[in-house]
N, C-alpha and C. Protein backbone atom coordinates (compact mmCIF):
# COMPACT_ATOMS: atom_id res chain seq x y z
N MET A 1 0.94 -1.06 0.06
CA MET A 1 0.03 0.10 0.32
C MET A 1 0.77 1.08 -0.05
N LYS A 2 0.65 2.39 -1.08
CA LYS A 2 1.34 3.25 -1.19
C LYS A 2 0.74 4.38 -0.86
N ILE A 3 0.68 5.03 0.40
CA ILE A 3 -0.08 6.30 0.66
C ILE A 3 0.46 7.84 -0.04
N GLU A 4 0.39 8.47 -0.92
CA GLU A 4 0.44 9.26 -1.31
C GLU A 4 0.00 10.82 -0.74
N VAL A 5 0.17 12.38 -0.98
CA VAL A 5 -0.49 13.29 -0.89
C VAL A 5 -1.93 12.84 -1.73
N GLY A 6 -2.71 13.27 -1.63
CA GLY A 6 -4.06 13.52 -2.41
C GLY A 6 -4.74 12.05 -2.01
N SER A 7 -4.01 11.15 -1.56
CA SER A 7 -4.68 9.63 -1.51
C SER A 7 -5.88 9.47 -0.76
N SER A 8 -7.02 8.89 -0.74
CA SER A 8 -8.50 9.13 0.06
C SER A 8 -7.87 7.34 1.30
N VAL A 9 -8.33 7.83 2.28
CA VAL A 9 -7.46 6.89 3.23
C VAL A 9 -8.91 6.73 4.61
N VAL A 10 -8.68 5.64 4.97
CA VAL A 10 -9.74 5.29 6.34
C VAL A 10 -9.25 5.70 7.71
N TYR A 11 -9.54 6.31 8.28
CA TYR A 11 -8.98 6.15 9.62
C TYR A 11 -9.95 6.26 10.95
N ASN A 12 -9.84 5.22 11.49
CA ASN A 12 -11.10 5.24 12.56
C ASN A 12 -12.92 4.92 11.68
N GLY A 13 -12.46 4.35 10.35
CA GLY A 13 -14.04 3.95 10.11
C GLY A 13 -14.89 5.03 9.41
N GLU A 14 -13.71 6.26 8.99
CA GLU A 14 -13.98 7.25 8.21
C GLU A 14 -13.42 7.68 7.14
N GLU A 15 -13.61 8.97 6.24
CA GLU A 15 -12.85 8.62 5.50
C GLU A 15 -12.24 10.11 5.34
N TYR A 16 -10.64 9.78 4.87
CA TYR A 16 -10.10 10.98 5.22
C TYR A 16 -9.21 11.55 3.69
N GLN A 17 -8.78 12.66 3.72
CA GLN A 17 -7.42 12.79 2.62
C GLN A 17 -6.31 13.03 3.10
N VAL A 18 -5.33 12.80 2.46
CA VAL A 18 -3.85 13.09 2.66
C VAL A 18 -3.80 13.88 2.23
N VAL A 19 -2.74 15.44 2.97
CA VAL A 19 -2.63 16.47 2.88
C VAL A 19 -0.78 16.71 3.08
N TRP A 20 -0.71 15.60 3.76
CA TRP A 20 0.75 15.97 3.84
C TRP A 20 1.87 14.72 4.87
N ILE A 21 2.56 14.49 4.48
CA ILE A 21 3.33 12.87 5.04
C ILE A 21 4.95 13.34 5.52
N TYR A 22 5.31 13.50 6.49
CA TYR A 22 6.44 13.50 7.25
C TYR A 22 7.23 12.29 6.91
N GLY A 23 8.47 12.55 7.39
CA GLY A 23 9.74 11.52 6.92
C GLY A 23 9.60 10.28 8.03
N ASN A 24 8.96 10.70 9.17
CA ASN A 24 9.03 10.10 10.38
C ASN A 24 7.64 9.19 10.50
N GLY A 25 7.30 9.08 9.32
CA GLY A 25 5.92 8.30 9.48
C GLY A 25 4.44 8.50 9.70
N ASN A 26 4.49 9.88 10.54
CA ASN A 26 3.40 9.97 10.40
C ASN A 26 2.54 11.26 9.40
N VAL A 27 1.11 11.34 9.40
CA VAL A 27 0.57 11.84 7.86
C VAL A 27 -0.57 12.72 8.50
N GLU A 28 -0.41 13.99 7.85
CA GLU A 28 -1.85 14.99 7.97
C GLU A 28 -2.68 13.93 6.90
N ILE A 29 -4.01 14.24 7.60
CA ILE A 29 -4.88 13.91 7.59
C ILE A 29 -6.40 15.04 7.70
N VAL A 30 -6.67 15.57 6.65
CA VAL A 30 -8.67 16.20 6.90
C VAL A 30 -9.61 15.33 6.15
N LYS A 31 -10.78 15.77 7.06
CA LYS A 31 -11.80 15.39 6.66
C LYS A 31 -12.65 16.18 5.84
N ASP A 32 -13.06 15.63 4.44
CA ASP A 32 -13.46 17.23 3.59
C ASP A 32 -15.08 16.96 4.11
N GLY A 33 -16.00 18.44 3.99
CA GLY A 33 -17.07 19.01 4.42
C GLY A 33 -16.89 19.60 5.88
N GLN A 34 -15.39 19.32 6.61
CA GLN A 34 -16.09 20.03 8.10
C GLN A 34 -14.83 21.14 8.06
N HIS A 35 -14.49 21.66 9.00
CA HIS A 35 -13.68 22.71 9.00
C HIS A 35 -12.45 22.49 8.62
N ARG A 36 -11.99 21.90 7.50
CA ARG A 36 -11.00 20.93 7.58
C ARG A 36 -9.86 21.10 8.50
N LYS A 37 -10.38 20.51 10.12
CA LYS A 37 -9.34 20.28 10.79
C LYS A 37 -8.65 18.97 10.05
N ILE A 38 -7.17 19.48 10.48
CA ILE A 38 -6.24 18.22 10.31
C ILE A 38 -5.68 17.55 11.58
N GLU A 39 -5.61 16.32 11.18
CA GLU A 39 -5.38 15.51 12.30
C GLU A 39 -3.88 14.83 11.56
N LEU A 40 -3.30 14.60 12.69
CA LEU A 40 -1.51 13.85 12.68
C LEU A 40 -1.83 12.09 12.97
N VAL A 41 -1.54 11.90 12.53
CA VAL A 41 -2.14 10.19 12.38
C VAL A 41 -0.36 9.29 12.13
N GLN A 42 -0.26 8.44 12.37
CA GLN A 42 0.52 7.52 12.10
C GLN A 42 0.39 6.70 10.66
N LYS A 43 1.19 6.71 9.67
CA LYS A 43 0.92 5.91 8.65
C LYS A 43 0.21 3.98 8.42
N GLY A 44 0.79 3.95 9.79
CA GLY A 44 0.58 2.42 9.91
C GLY A 44 -1.02 2.48 10.30
N ASP A 45 -1.77 3.43 10.80
CA ASP A 45 -2.91 3.39 11.18
C ASP A 45 -4.17 3.32 9.92
N LEU A 46 -3.54 3.93 8.86
CA LEU A 46 -4.32 3.99 7.75
C LEU A 46 -4.97 3.01 6.62
N THR A 47 -5.65 2.85 6.10
CA THR A 47 -6.23 2.25 4.98
C THR A 47 -6.36 3.00 3.67
N GLN A 48 -5.73 2.39 2.62
CA GLN A 48 -5.89 3.75 1.75
C GLN A 48 -7.03 2.83 0.99
N ILE A 49 -7.85 3.60 0.23
CA ILE A 49 -9.12 2.89 -0.73
C ILE A 49 -9.10 3.67 -1.70
N ARG A 50 -8.28 4.96 -2.43
CA ARG A 50 -8.18 5.19 -3.76
C ARG A 50 -7.03 6.33 -3.69
N LEU A 51 -6.21 6.53 -4.60
CA LEU A 51 -5.42 7.61 -5.06
C LEU A 51 -6.11 8.52 -5.97
């Protein structure tokens, strides 16, 4: 699984979009439709659904 910026992913059962990937394995994700609140999670906690 290759997660890239722009990928749609699932985190805690909800769909997010990847906006930034750090070299240490952390990923910034946002949920569309809300106030673009950015969450910082571990790459291994995500499931990619489409690029």
